[in-house]
Amino acid sequence: LKNKVVFTRNDVVRVKKLPEFDIAVGLGFIDYLNKQELRELFRLLLGHYFFFSVFEKKFSLRNLLHAVYVRIQRCPGAFKYTKDELRQIIPKNLNSYFLEKDKMLFITNLQK
């Protein structure tokens, strides 16, 4: 993989254009973006593939533990969204869908 995979790091809140890439992957990432930042991220992702984990806004042990983790780690905050809220934020032409695997929720536009 050394010659096939390149990982880059950017502050998605500040970039105006993403570098060339095949797929954007974010695990535990979009939970830290507010609605406006999410809208901008997905605007930048038009024409690109993506795969993100999602902590859905609902009462669950996993969300409770995540809230405790965020406080202990002194993270600036975490945002939770329902599936409907994410559908309203993400442009329809990205053809995104939710994928549940091993009790985890993801959002992607990779071909099924």
N, C-alpha and C. Protein backbone atom coordinates (compact mmCIF):
# COMPACT_ATOMS: atom_id res chain seq x y z
N LEU A 1 0.80 -1.20 0.00
CA LEU A 1 0.00 0.00 0.00
C LEU A 1 0.85 1.27 0.00
N LYS A 2 2.11 1.14 0.35
CA LYS A 2 2.97 2.31 0.47
C LYS A 2 2.94 3.20 -0.77
N ASN A 3 2.96 2.60 -1.93
CA ASN A 3 2.98 3.38 -3.17
C ASN A 3 1.59 3.61 -3.76
N LYS A 4 0.55 3.09 -3.09
CA LYS A 4 -0.79 3.18 -3.63
C LYS A 4 -1.71 4.09 -2.83
N VAL A 5 -1.40 4.34 -1.57
CA VAL A 5 -2.28 5.11 -0.71
C VAL A 5 -1.54 6.33 -0.18
N VAL A 6 -2.22 7.46 -0.29
CA VAL A 6 -1.66 8.70 0.25
C VAL A 6 -2.71 9.30 1.18
N PHE A 7 -2.30 9.55 2.41
CA PHE A 7 -3.21 10.19 3.37
C PHE A 7 -2.85 11.66 3.46
N THR A 8 -3.86 12.49 3.39
CA THR A 8 -3.63 13.92 3.54
C THR A 8 -4.50 14.44 4.67
N ARG A 9 -4.09 15.56 5.20
CA ARG A 9 -4.83 16.17 6.30
C ARG A 9 -5.08 17.63 5.92
N ASN A 10 -6.33 18.03 6.06
CA ASN A 10 -6.71 19.41 5.77
C ASN A 10 -7.73 19.88 6.80
N ASP A 11 -7.82 21.16 6.98
CA ASP A 11 -8.86 21.73 7.82
C ASP A 11 -10.03 22.03 6.90
N VAL A 12 -11.00 21.15 6.89
CA VAL A 12 -12.11 21.24 5.94
C VAL A 12 -12.93 22.51 6.14
N VAL A 13 -12.85 23.09 7.31
CA VAL A 13 -13.58 24.32 7.58
C VAL A 13 -12.96 25.51 6.84
N ARG A 14 -11.68 25.41 6.54
CA ARG A 14 -10.97 26.54 5.93
C ARG A 14 -10.64 26.37 4.44
N VAL A 15 -10.65 25.16 3.93
CA VAL A 15 -10.27 24.96 2.53
C VAL A 15 -11.39 25.41 1.60
N LYS A 16 -11.00 25.91 0.46
CA LYS A 16 -11.97 26.33 -0.56
C LYS A 16 -12.11 25.28 -1.66
N LYS A 17 -11.09 24.42 -1.77
CA LYS A 17 -11.10 23.36 -2.77
C LYS A 17 -10.30 22.19 -2.21
N LEU A 18 -10.85 20.99 -2.38
CA LEU A 18 -10.15 19.80 -1.90
C LEU A 18 -9.10 19.36 -2.91
N PRO A 19 -8.01 18.75 -2.44
CA PRO A 19 -7.02 18.23 -3.39
C PRO A 19 -7.60 17.04 -4.15
N GLU A 20 -6.94 16.59 -5.19
CA GLU A 20 -7.40 15.43 -5.95
C GLU A 20 -7.37 14.20 -5.04
N PHE A 21 -8.41 13.38 -5.13
CA PHE A 21 -8.47 12.16 -4.34
C PHE A 21 -9.48 11.21 -4.96
N ASP A 22 -9.39 9.94 -4.55
CA ASP A 22 -10.32 8.92 -5.04
C ASP A 22 -11.53 8.78 -4.13
N ILE A 23 -11.29 8.85 -2.80
CA ILE A 23 -12.38 8.70 -1.84
C ILE A 23 -12.02 9.44 -0.56
N ALA A 24 -13.00 10.11 0.01
CA ALA A 24 -12.83 10.77 1.30
C ALA A 24 -13.41 9.84 2.36
N VAL A 25 -12.61 9.54 3.37
CA VAL A 25 -13.03 8.65 4.45
C VAL A 25 -12.90 9.40 5.76
N GLY A 26 -13.95 9.34 6.56
CA GLY A 26 -13.91 9.98 7.87
C GLY A 26 -14.60 9.11 8.90
N LEU A 27 -13.86 8.68 9.90
CA LEU A 27 -14.42 7.89 10.99
C LEU A 27 -14.35 8.75 12.24
N GLY A 28 -15.51 9.03 12.82
CA GLY A 28 -15.55 9.92 13.98
C GLY A 28 -15.20 11.34 13.61
N PHE A 29 -15.57 11.75 12.43
CA PHE A 29 -15.18 13.05 11.89
C PHE A 29 -16.34 14.03 11.79
N ILE A 30 -17.40 13.64 11.07
CA ILE A 30 -18.46 14.61 10.81
C ILE A 30 -19.24 14.99 12.06
N ASP A 31 -19.06 14.22 13.13
CA ASP A 31 -19.74 14.54 14.39
C ASP A 31 -19.24 15.85 14.98
N TYR A 32 -18.12 16.34 14.51
CA TYR A 32 -17.53 17.57 15.06
C TYR A 32 -17.79 18.79 14.18
N LEU A 33 -18.63 18.62 13.16
CA LEU A 33 -18.95 19.72 12.26
C LEU A 33 -20.38 20.18 12.48
N ASN A 34 -20.57 21.50 12.54
CA ASN A 34 -21.93 22.02 12.67
C ASN A 34 -22.62 21.94 11.30
N LYS A 35 -23.88 22.32 11.25
CA LYS A 35 -24.65 22.19 10.00
C LYS A 35 -24.03 22.95 8.84
N GLN A 36 -23.59 24.17 9.09
CA GLN A 36 -22.99 24.96 8.02
C GLN A 36 -21.69 24.32 7.52
N GLU A 37 -20.88 23.83 8.44
CA GLU A 37 -19.63 23.17 8.06
C GLU A 37 -19.90 21.89 7.28
N LEU A 38 -20.94 21.16 7.68
CA LEU A 38 -21.32 19.95 6.93
C LEU A 38 -21.79 20.29 5.52
N ARG A 39 -22.59 21.34 5.41
CA ARG A 39 -23.05 21.76 4.08
C ARG A 39 -21.86 22.08 3.18
N GLU A 40 -20.90 22.79 3.73
CA GLU A 40 -19.71 23.15 2.94
C GLU A 40 -18.89 21.91 2.59
N LEU A 41 -18.72 21.00 3.54
CA LEU A 41 -17.99 19.76 3.26
C LEU A 41 -18.63 19.02 2.10
N PHE A 42 -19.93 18.81 2.17
CA PHE A 42 -20.59 18.04 1.12
C PHE A 42 -20.66 18.81 -0.20
N ARG A 43 -20.64 20.12 -0.15
CA ARG A 43 -20.55 20.91 -1.39
C ARG A 43 -19.19 20.63 -2.04
N LEU A 44 -18.13 20.59 -1.23
CA LEU A 44 -16.79 20.30 -1.74
C LEU A 44 -16.69 18.88 -2.28
N LEU A 45 -17.51 17.98 -1.77
CA LEU A 45 -17.44 16.58 -2.17
C LEU A 45 -18.23 16.26 -3.44
N LEU A 46 -18.92 17.23 -4.00
CA LEU A 46 -19.65 16.99 -5.26
C LEU A 46 -18.69 16.41 -6.30
N GLY A 47 -19.10 15.29 -6.89
CA GLY A 47 -18.26 14.64 -7.90
C GLY A 47 -17.23 13.68 -7.32
N HIS A 48 -17.25 13.47 -6.01
CA HIS A 48 -16.28 12.58 -5.36
C HIS A 48 -17.01 11.54 -4.52
N TYR A 49 -16.34 10.43 -4.30
CA TYR A 49 -16.86 9.40 -3.42
C TYR A 49 -16.49 9.71 -1.98
N PHE A 50 -17.38 9.30 -1.05
CA PHE A 50 -17.10 9.50 0.36
C PHE A 50 -17.68 8.36 1.19
N PHE A 51 -17.14 8.21 2.39
CA PHE A 51 -17.58 7.20 3.34
C PHE A 51 -17.31 7.74 4.74
N PHE A 52 -18.38 8.04 5.50
CA PHE A 52 -18.24 8.63 6.83
C PHE A 52 -19.05 7.84 7.86
N SER A 53 -18.49 7.70 9.04
CA SER A 53 -19.27 7.15 10.14
C SER A 53 -20.15 8.25 10.70
N VAL A 54 -21.26 7.85 11.31
CA VAL A 54 -22.23 8.81 11.84
C VAL A 54 -22.70 8.33 13.21
N PHE A 55 -22.70 9.23 14.18
CA PHE A 55 -23.37 8.98 15.45
C PHE A 55 -24.75 9.60 15.32
N GLU A 56 -25.74 8.76 15.07
CA GLU A 56 -27.09 9.28 14.86
C GLU A 56 -27.66 9.88 16.14
N LYS A 57 -28.40 10.95 15.98
CA LYS A 57 -29.03 11.63 17.11
C LYS A 57 -30.21 10.78 17.60
N LYS A 58 -29.97 10.03 18.66
CA LYS A 58 -31.00 9.22 19.28
C LYS A 58 -30.48 8.77 20.64
N PHE A 59 -31.38 8.36 21.49
CA PHE A 59 -30.96 7.90 22.80
C PHE A 59 -30.39 6.49 22.67
N SER A 60 -29.12 6.34 23.06
CA SER A 60 -28.50 5.02 23.03
C SER A 60 -27.31 5.02 23.97
N LEU A 61 -26.91 3.84 24.38
CA LEU A 61 -25.74 3.70 25.25
C LEU A 61 -24.49 4.22 24.53
N ARG A 62 -24.38 3.92 23.26
CA ARG A 62 -23.22 4.37 22.48
C ARG A 62 -23.13 5.91 22.47
N ASN A 63 -24.26 6.59 22.29
CA ASN A 63 -24.26 8.06 22.30
C ASN A 63 -23.95 8.61 23.69
N LEU A 64 -24.43 7.95 24.71
CA LEU A 64 -24.13 8.37 26.07
C LEU A 64 -22.63 8.25 26.34
N LEU A 65 -22.05 7.13 25.98
CA LEU A 65 -20.60 6.95 26.15
C LEU A 65 -19.81 7.95 25.32
N HIS A 66 -20.29 8.25 24.14
CA HIS A 66 -19.62 9.24 23.29
C HIS A 66 -19.66 10.62 23.94
N ALA A 67 -20.79 10.98 24.52
CA ALA A 67 -20.91 12.28 25.20
C ALA A 67 -19.94 12.36 26.38
N VAL A 68 -19.80 11.27 27.13
CA VAL A 68 -18.85 11.23 28.24
C VAL A 68 -17.42 11.37 27.71
N TYR A 69 -17.10 10.67 26.65
CA TYR A 69 -15.78 10.75 26.03
C TYR A 69 -15.46 12.18 25.59
N VAL A 70 -16.41 12.83 24.94
CA VAL A 70 -16.21 14.20 24.46
C VAL A 70 -15.89 15.13 25.62
N ARG A 71 -16.60 14.97 26.72
CA ARG A 71 -16.35 15.82 27.90
C ARG A 71 -15.00 15.53 28.53
N ILE A 72 -14.68 14.26 28.69
CA ILE A 72 -13.41 13.88 29.31
C ILE A 72 -12.23 14.38 28.47
N GLN A 73 -12.35 14.28 27.17
CA GLN A 73 -11.27 14.69 26.26
C GLN A 73 -11.25 16.20 26.02
N ARG A 74 -12.23 16.90 26.58
CA ARG A 74 -12.36 18.34 26.41
C ARG A 74 -12.43 18.75 24.93
N CYS A 75 -13.17 17.95 24.18
CA CYS A 75 -13.38 18.27 22.76
C CYS A 75 -14.26 19.51 22.67
N PRO A 76 -14.11 20.27 21.61
CA PRO A 76 -14.88 21.51 21.49
C PRO A 76 -16.38 21.28 21.40
N GLY A 77 -16.79 20.08 21.15
CA GLY A 77 -18.22 19.79 21.05
C GLY A 77 -18.46 18.73 20.00
N ALA A 78 -19.60 18.12 20.08
CA ALA A 78 -19.97 17.12 19.09
C ALA A 78 -21.42 17.37 18.71
N PHE A 79 -21.70 17.23 17.45
CA PHE A 79 -23.03 17.48 16.92
C PHE A 79 -23.63 16.15 16.47
N LYS A 80 -24.86 15.95 16.83
CA LYS A 80 -25.57 14.74 16.41
C LYS A 80 -26.71 15.16 15.49
N TYR A 81 -26.95 14.34 14.49
CA TYR A 81 -28.00 14.63 13.52
C TYR A 81 -28.83 13.37 13.30
N THR A 82 -30.12 13.55 13.08
CA THR A 82 -30.95 12.42 12.69
C THR A 82 -30.69 12.13 11.21
N LYS A 83 -31.14 10.98 10.77
CA LYS A 83 -31.00 10.67 9.34
C LYS A 83 -31.71 11.71 8.49
N ASP A 84 -32.90 12.13 8.92
CA ASP A 84 -33.64 13.14 8.17
C ASP A 84 -32.88 14.47 8.10
N GLU A 85 -32.26 14.87 9.21
CA GLU A 85 -31.48 16.11 9.21
C GLU A 85 -30.31 16.01 8.24
N LEU A 86 -29.64 14.86 8.23
CA LEU A 86 -28.52 14.68 7.30
C LEU A 86 -28.99 14.69 5.86
N ARG A 87 -30.15 14.10 5.60
CA ARG A 87 -30.70 14.12 4.23
C ARG A 87 -30.97 15.55 3.77
N GLN A 88 -31.36 16.42 4.70
CA GLN A 88 -31.61 17.81 4.35
C GLN A 88 -30.31 18.59 4.13
N ILE A 89 -29.25 18.21 4.81
CA ILE A 89 -27.97 18.90 4.71
C ILE A 89 -27.21 18.50 3.45
N ILE A 90 -27.24 17.21 3.14
CA ILE A 90 -26.43 16.67 2.03
C ILE A 90 -27.16 16.88 0.71
N PRO A 91 -26.48 17.47 -0.28
CA PRO A 91 -27.12 17.69 -1.58
C PRO A 91 -27.63 16.37 -2.18
N LYS A 92 -28.81 16.42 -2.73
CA LYS A 92 -29.45 15.23 -3.31
C LYS A 92 -28.62 14.62 -4.43
N ASN A 93 -27.94 15.47 -5.20
CA ASN A 93 -27.19 14.94 -6.35
C ASN A 93 -25.91 14.20 -5.96
N LEU A 94 -25.63 14.07 -4.66
CA LEU A 94 -24.52 13.22 -4.22
C LEU A 94 -24.94 11.75 -4.13
N ASN A 95 -26.25 11.50 -4.24
CA ASN A 95 -26.77 10.13 -4.21
C ASN A 95 -26.28 9.34 -3.00
N SER A 96 -26.33 9.96 -1.85
CA SER A 96 -25.86 9.30 -0.64
C SER A 96 -26.92 8.38 -0.06
N TYR A 97 -26.47 7.43 0.73
CA TYR A 97 -27.38 6.52 1.42
C TYR A 97 -26.73 6.08 2.73
N PHE A 98 -27.55 5.58 3.63
CA PHE A 98 -27.06 5.10 4.93
C PHE A 98 -26.79 3.62 4.85
N LEU A 99 -25.76 3.21 5.53
CA LEU A 99 -25.35 1.81 5.58
C LEU A 99 -25.15 1.45 7.05
N GLU A 100 -25.82 0.40 7.49
CA GLU A 100 -25.64 -0.06 8.87
C GLU A 100 -24.89 -1.38 8.85
N LYS A 101 -23.81 -1.43 9.64
CA LYS A 101 -22.97 -2.63 9.70
C LYS A 101 -22.50 -2.80 11.12
N ASP A 102 -22.76 -3.95 11.71
CA ASP A 102 -22.33 -4.26 13.08
C ASP A 102 -22.74 -3.16 14.06
N LYS A 103 -23.98 -2.71 13.96
CA LYS A 103 -24.57 -1.69 14.83
C LYS A 103 -23.89 -0.32 14.68
N MET A 104 -23.18 -0.14 13.60
CA MET A 104 -22.57 1.16 13.29
C MET A 104 -23.31 1.74 12.09
N LEU A 105 -23.40 3.07 12.05
CA LEU A 105 -24.08 3.75 10.95
C LEU A 105 -23.06 4.54 10.14
N PHE A 106 -23.17 4.42 8.84
CA PHE A 106 -22.29 5.13 7.91
C PHE A 106 -23.14 5.83 6.88
N ILE A 107 -22.58 6.88 6.29
CA ILE A 107 -23.21 7.51 5.14
C ILE A 107 -22.18 7.53 4.02
N THR A 108 -22.63 7.17 2.83
CA THR A 108 -21.72 7.03 1.71
C THR A 108 -22.45 7.27 0.40
N ASN A 109 -21.68 7.41 -0.65
CA ASN A 109 -22.23 7.43 -2.00
C ASN A 109 -21.52 6.42 -2.88
N LEU A 110 -20.81 5.48 -2.25
CA LEU A 110 -20.16 4.41 -3.02
C LEU A 110 -21.23 3.53 -3.64
N GLN A 111 -20.93 2.96 -4.78
CA GLN A 111 -21.90 2.10 -5.45
C GLN A 111 -22.20 0.90 -4.59
N LYS A 112 -23.49 0.55 -4.53
CA LYS A 112 -23.91 -0.62 -3.72
C LYS A 112 -23.45 -1.90 -4.33
